[in-house]
PDB file of N, CA and C in Angstrom:
ATOM      1  N   MET A   1     -18.035 -52.839  26.320  1.00  0.00           N
ATOM      2  CA  MET A   1     -17.336 -53.845  27.098  1.00  0.00           C
ATOM      3  C   MET A   1     -17.093 -53.304  28.502  1.00  0.00           C
ATOM      4  N   SER A   2     -17.265 -54.139  29.499  1.00  0.00           N
ATOM      5  CA  SER A   2     -17.130 -53.734  30.885  1.00  0.00           C
ATOM      6  C   SER A   2     -15.723 -54.024  31.398  1.00  0.00           C
ATOM      7  N   ASP A   3     -15.254 -53.160  32.285  1.00  0.00           N
ATOM      8  CA  ASP A   3     -13.959 -53.368  32.920  1.00  0.00           C
ATOM      9  C   ASP A   3     -14.082 -54.201  34.193  1.00  0.00           C
ATOM     10  N   ALA A   4     -15.301 -54.582  34.553  1.00  0.00           N
ATOM     11  CA  ALA A   4     -15.531 -55.354  35.770  1.00  0.00           C
ATOM     12  C   ALA A   4     -14.858 -56.715  35.659  1.00  0.00           C
ATOM     13  N   THR A   5     -14.285 -57.132  36.756  1.00  0.00           N
ATOM     14  CA  THR A   5     -13.633 -58.434  36.795  1.00  0.00           C
ATOM     15  C   THR A   5     -14.528 -59.426  37.522  1.00  0.00           C
ATOM     16  N   GLU A   6     -14.279 -60.692  37.266  1.00  0.00           N
ATOM     17  CA  GLU A   6     -15.022 -61.741  37.950  1.00  0.00           C
ATOM     18  C   GLU A   6     -14.711 -61.687  39.443  1.00  0.00           C
ATOM     19  N   PRO A   7     -15.713 -61.879  40.294  1.00  0.00           N
ATOM     20  CA  PRO A   7     -15.454 -61.939  41.731  1.00  0.00           C
ATOM     21  C   PRO A   7     -14.538 -63.113  42.059  1.00  0.00           C
ATOM     22  N   THR A   8     -13.692 -62.929  43.035  1.00  0.00           N
ATOM     23  CA  THR A   8     -12.785 -63.991  43.450  1.00  0.00           C
ATOM     24  C   THR A   8     -12.911 -64.231  44.950  1.00  0.00           C
ATOM     25  N   VAL A   9     -12.553 -65.433  45.367  1.00  0.00           N
ATOM     26  CA  VAL A   9     -12.562 -65.803  46.778  1.00  0.00           C
ATOM     27  C   VAL A   9     -11.155 -66.241  47.135  1.00  0.00           C
ATOM     28  N   LYS A  10     -10.657 -65.732  48.260  1.00  0.00           N
ATOM     29  CA  LYS A  10      -9.360 -66.207  48.741  1.00  0.00           C
ATOM     30  C   LYS A  10      -9.451 -66.442  50.233  1.00  0.00           C
ATOM     31  N   ALA A  11      -8.597 -67.288  50.736  1.00  0.00           N
ATOM     32  CA  ALA A  11      -8.549 -67.590  52.160  1.00  0.00           C
ATOM     33  C   ALA A  11      -7.335 -66.909  52.763  1.00  0.00           C
ATOM     34  N   VAL A  12      -7.524 -66.358  53.944  1.00  0.00           N
ATOM     35  CA  VAL A  12      -6.438 -65.675  54.652  1.00  0.00           C
ATOM     36  C   VAL A  12      -6.502 -66.045  56.123  1.00  0.00           C
ATOM     37  N   GLN A  13      -5.362 -65.893  56.788  1.00  0.00           N
ATOM     38  CA  GLN A  13      -5.338 -66.027  58.231  1.00  0.00           C
ATOM     39  C   GLN A  13      -5.307 -64.613  58.790  1.00  0.00           C
ATOM     40  N   LYS A  14      -6.344 -64.265  59.542  1.00  0.00           N
ATOM     41  CA  LYS A  14      -6.519 -62.909  60.055  1.00  0.00           C
ATOM     42  C   LYS A  14      -5.496 -62.612  61.153  1.00  0.00           C
ATOM     43  N   ASN A  15      -5.306 -63.548  62.029  1.00  0.00           N
ATOM     44  CA  ASN A  15      -4.376 -63.411  63.147  1.00  0.00           C
ATOM     45  C   ASN A  15      -3.502 -64.651  63.201  1.00  0.00           C
ATOM     46  N   ASP A  16      -2.680 -64.714  64.193  1.00  0.00           N
ATOM     47  CA  ASP A  16      -1.862 -65.907  64.388  1.00  0.00           C
ATOM     48  C   ASP A  16      -2.594 -66.936  65.247  1.00  0.00           C
ATOM     49  N   ASP A  17      -3.936 -66.936  65.185  1.00  0.00           N
ATOM     50  CA  ASP A  17      -4.722 -67.850  66.000  1.00  0.00           C
ATOM     51  C   ASP A  17      -4.946 -69.197  65.321  1.00  0.00           C
ATOM     52  N   GLY A  18      -4.458 -69.355  64.095  1.00  0.00           N
ATOM     53  CA  GLY A  18      -4.605 -70.616  63.380  1.00  0.00           C
ATOM     54  C   GLY A  18      -5.913 -70.753  62.631  1.00  0.00           C
ATOM     55  N   ASN A  19      -6.802 -69.764  62.745  1.00  0.00           N
ATOM     56  CA  ASN A  19      -8.085 -69.821  62.048  1.00  0.00           C
ATOM     57  C   ASN A  19      -7.981 -69.207  60.666  1.00  0.00           C
ATOM     58  N   TRP A  20      -8.851 -69.665  59.772  1.00  0.00           N
ATOM     59  CA  TRP A  20      -8.895 -69.172  58.397  1.00  0.00           C
ATOM     60  C   TRP A  20     -10.169 -68.382  58.171  1.00  0.00           C
ATOM     61  N   TYR A  21     -10.096 -67.426  57.270  1.00  0.00           N
ATOM     62  CA  TYR A  21     -11.216 -66.570  56.915  1.00  0.00           C
ATOM     63  C   TYR A  21     -11.246 -66.459  55.397  1.00  0.00           C
ATOM     64  N   TYR A  22     -12.427 -66.204  54.822  1.00  0.00           N
ATOM     65  CA  TYR A  22     -12.460 -65.965  53.390  1.00  0.00           C
ATOM     66  C   TYR A  22     -12.775 -64.510  53.118  1.00  0.00           C
ATOM     67  N   VAL A  23     -12.285 -64.045  51.985  1.00  0.00           N
ATOM     68  CA  VAL A  23     -12.511 -62.682  51.539  1.00  0.00           C
ATOM     69  C   VAL A  23     -12.957 -62.746  50.089  1.00  0.00           C
ATOM     70  N   VAL A  24     -14.074 -62.076  49.770  1.00  0.00           N
ATOM     71  CA  VAL A  24     -14.556 -61.994  48.398  1.00  0.00           C
ATOM     72  C   VAL A  24     -14.149 -60.640  47.838  1.00  0.00           C
ATOM     73  N   THR A  25     -13.548 -60.662  46.662  1.00  0.00           N
ATOM     74  CA  THR A  25     -13.166 -59.425  45.989  1.00  0.00           C
ATOM     75  C   THR A  25     -14.027 -59.274  44.747  1.00  0.00           C
ATOM     76  N   LYS A  26     -14.751 -58.150  44.670  1.00  0.00           N
ATOM     77  CA  LYS A  26     -15.609 -57.858  43.517  1.00  0.00           C
ATOM     78  C   LYS A  26     -15.211 -56.496  42.966  1.00  0.00           C
ATOM     79  N   ASP A  27     -14.998 -56.431  41.673  1.00  0.00           N
ATOM     80  CA  ASP A  27     -14.640 -55.179  40.992  1.00  0.00           C
ATOM     81  C   ASP A  27     -13.459 -54.483  41.665  1.00  0.00           C
ATOM     82  N   GLY A  28     -12.503 -55.275  42.124  1.00  0.00           N
ATOM     83  CA  GLY A  28     -11.301 -54.726  42.737  1.00  0.00           C
ATOM     84  C   GLY A  28     -11.475 -54.281  44.177  1.00  0.00           C
ATOM     85  N   VAL A  29     -12.666 -54.469  44.745  1.00  0.00           N
ATOM     86  CA  VAL A  29     -12.924 -54.067  46.124  1.00  0.00           C
ATOM     87  C   VAL A  29     -13.003 -55.309  46.993  1.00  0.00           C
ATOM     88  N   GLU A  30     -12.147 -55.355  48.000  1.00  0.00           N
ATOM     89  CA  GLU A  30     -12.097 -56.501  48.897  1.00  0.00           C
ATOM     90  C   GLU A  30     -13.145 -56.346  49.992  1.00  0.00           C
ATOM     91  N   GLY A  31     -13.951 -57.376  50.182  1.00  0.00           N
ATOM     92  CA  GLY A  31     -14.978 -57.358  51.210  1.00  0.00           C
ATOM     93  C   GLY A  31     -14.406 -57.716  52.571  1.00  0.00           C
ATOM     94  N   PRO A  32     -15.286 -57.860  53.556  1.00  0.00           N
ATOM     95  CA  PRO A  32     -14.832 -58.189  54.912  1.00  0.00           C
ATOM     96  C   PRO A  32     -14.342 -59.629  55.015  1.00  0.00           C
ATOM     97  N   LYS A  33     -13.537 -59.877  56.028  1.00  0.00           N
ATOM     98  CA  LYS A  33     -13.094 -61.245  56.305  1.00  0.00           C
ATOM     99  C   LYS A  33     -14.235 -61.961  57.018  1.00  0.00           C
ATOM    100  N   VAL A  34     -14.564 -63.171  56.543  1.00  0.00           N
ATOM    101  CA  VAL A  34     -15.664 -63.943  57.105  1.00  0.00           C
ATOM    102  C   VAL A  34     -15.110 -65.252  57.652  1.00  0.00           C
ATOM    103  N   GLY A  35     -15.495 -65.595  58.842  1.00  0.00           N
ATOM    104  CA  GLY A  35     -15.020 -66.833  59.444  1.00  0.00           C
ATOM    105  C   GLY A  35     -15.241 -66.769  60.948  1.00  0.00           C
ATOM    106  N   PRO A  36     -14.556 -67.557  61.690  1.00  0.00           N
ATOM    107  CA  PRO A  36     -13.383 -68.364  61.365  1.00  0.00           C
ATOM    108  C   PRO A  36     -13.730 -69.779  60.905  1.00  0.00           C
ATOM    109  N   TYR A  37     -12.759 -70.385  60.224  1.00  0.00           N
ATOM    110  CA  TYR A  37     -12.829 -71.764  59.768  1.00  0.00           C
ATOM    111  C   TYR A  37     -11.563 -72.469  60.229  1.00  0.00           C
ATOM    112  N   ASP A  38     -11.685 -73.788  60.382  1.00  0.00           N
ATOM    113  CA  ASP A  38     -10.536 -74.566  60.849  1.00  0.00           C
ATOM    114  C   ASP A  38      -9.470 -74.748  59.779  1.00  0.00           C
ATOM    115  N   THR A  39      -9.902 -74.821  58.502  1.00  0.00           N
ATOM    116  CA  THR A  39      -8.940 -75.066  57.433  1.00  0.00           C
ATOM    117  C   THR A  39      -9.128 -74.067  56.296  1.00  0.00           C
ATOM    118  N   GLU A  40      -8.096 -73.917  55.512  1.00  0.00           N
ATOM    119  CA  GLU A  40      -8.140 -73.053  54.335  1.00  0.00           C
ATOM    120  C   GLU A  40      -9.199 -73.545  53.352  1.00  0.00           C
ATOM    121  N   GLU A  41      -9.288 -74.868  53.193  1.00  0.00           N
ATOM    122  CA  GLU A  41     -10.241 -75.464  52.257  1.00  0.00           C
ATOM    123  C   GLU A  41     -11.681 -75.157  52.651  1.00  0.00           C
ATOM    124  N   GLU A  42     -11.981 -75.227  53.956  1.00  0.00           N
ATOM    125  CA  GLU A  42     -13.331 -74.913  54.427  1.00  0.00           C
ATOM    126  C   GLU A  42     -13.678 -73.452  54.145  1.00  0.00           C
ATOM    127  N   ALA A  43     -12.739 -72.573  54.376  1.00  0.00           N
ATOM    128  CA  ALA A  43     -12.972 -71.143  54.151  1.00  0.00           C
ATOM    129  C   ALA A  43     -13.265 -70.872  52.673  1.00  0.00           C
ATOM    130  N   ILE A  44     -12.465 -71.442  51.781  1.00  0.00           N
ATOM    131  CA  ILE A  44     -12.659 -71.225  50.348  1.00  0.00           C
ATOM    132  C   ILE A  44     -13.992 -71.825  49.889  1.00  0.00           C
ATOM    133  N   ALA A  45     -14.308 -73.032  50.354  1.00  0.00           N
ATOM    134  CA  ALA A  45     -15.557 -73.687  49.949  1.00  0.00           C
ATOM    135  C   ALA A  45     -16.762 -72.851  50.366  1.00  0.00           C
ATOM    136  N   ASP A  46     -16.763 -72.342  51.591  1.00  0.00           N
ATOM    137  CA  ASP A  46     -17.883 -71.541  52.054  1.00  0.00           C
ATOM    138  C   ASP A  46     -17.945 -70.205  51.324  1.00  0.00           C
ATOM    139  N   GLY A  47     -16.783 -69.627  51.035  1.00  0.00           N
ATOM    140  CA  GLY A  47     -16.747 -68.377  50.280  1.00  0.00           C
ATOM    141  C   GLY A  47     -17.298 -68.551  48.877  1.00  0.00           C
ATOM    142  N   GLU A  48     -16.945 -69.648  48.229  1.00  0.00           N
ATOM    143  CA  GLU A  48     -17.457 -69.912  46.878  1.00  0.00           C
ATOM    144  C   GLU A  48     -18.960 -70.176  46.913  1.00  0.00           C
ATOM    145  N   GLU A  49     -19.429 -70.857  47.950  1.00  0.00           N
ATOM    146  CA  GLU A  49     -20.867 -71.102  48.097  1.00  0.00           C
ATOM    147  C   GLU A  49     -21.610 -69.778  48.306  1.00  0.00           C
ATOM    148  N   SER A  50     -21.064 -68.918  49.123  1.00  0.00           N
ATOM    149  CA  SER A  50     -21.667 -67.609  49.358  1.00  0.00           C
ATOM    150  C   SER A  50     -21.712 -66.792  48.077  1.00  0.00           C
ATOM    151  N   LEU A  51     -20.654 -66.853  47.319  1.00  0.00           N
ATOM    152  CA  LEU A  51     -20.580 -66.134  46.051  1.00  0.00           C
ATOM    153  C   LEU A  51     -21.631 -66.658  45.077  1.00  0.00           C
ATOM    154  N   ALA A  52     -21.818 -67.963  45.029  1.00  0.00           N
ATOM    155  CA  ALA A  52     -22.823 -68.569  44.152  1.00  0.00           C
ATOM    156  C   ALA A  52     -24.221 -68.152  44.576  1.00  0.00           C
ATOM    157  N   GLU A  53     -24.480 -68.094  45.873  1.00  0.00           N
ATOM    158  CA  GLU A  53     -25.790 -67.672  46.375  1.00  0.00           C
ATOM    159  C   GLU A  53     -26.040 -66.204  46.013  1.00  0.00           C
ATOM    160  N   ASP A  54     -25.033 -65.364  46.122  1.00  0.00           N
ATOM    161  CA  ASP A  54     -25.175 -63.947  45.755  1.00  0.00           C
ATOM    162  C   ASP A  54     -25.479 -63.793  44.280  1.00  0.00           C
ATOM    163  N   ASP A  55     -24.886 -64.660  43.466  1.00  0.00           N
ATOM    164  CA  ASP A  55     -25.099 -64.617  42.009  1.00  0.00           C
ATOM    165  C   ASP A  55     -26.533 -64.977  41.661  1.00  0.00           C
ATOM    166  N   ILE A  56     -27.103 -65.913  42.398  1.00  0.00           N
ATOM    167  CA  ILE A  56     -28.458 -66.384  42.147  1.00  0.00           C
ATOM    168  C   ILE A  56     -29.481 -65.348  42.598  1.00  0.00           C
ATOM    169  N   ALA A  57     -29.201 -64.708  43.730  1.00  0.00           N
ATOM    170  CA  ALA A  57     -30.157 -63.751  44.324  1.00  0.00           C
ATOM    171  C   ALA A  57     -30.339 -62.519  43.475  1.00  0.00           C
TER     172      ALA A  57
END
C-alpha cells in the first residue's frame, strides 16, 4: 500500500493585488503558484484541468 496522497488543487492570493493563483500539491509537496486569474473559481478550474492533463500524459 502506498502512502502517496491524491494531488490537490487550491486557490490562493499571492499578494494583495486581488489576483488569484492555483497551487497543486502532490505527495505533500506544494508546487509553484500559477496565474494570475481574476477569480478564485477560474484559478481552481484551470488548476484542475492542468492536473487532469498531467494525469493523462
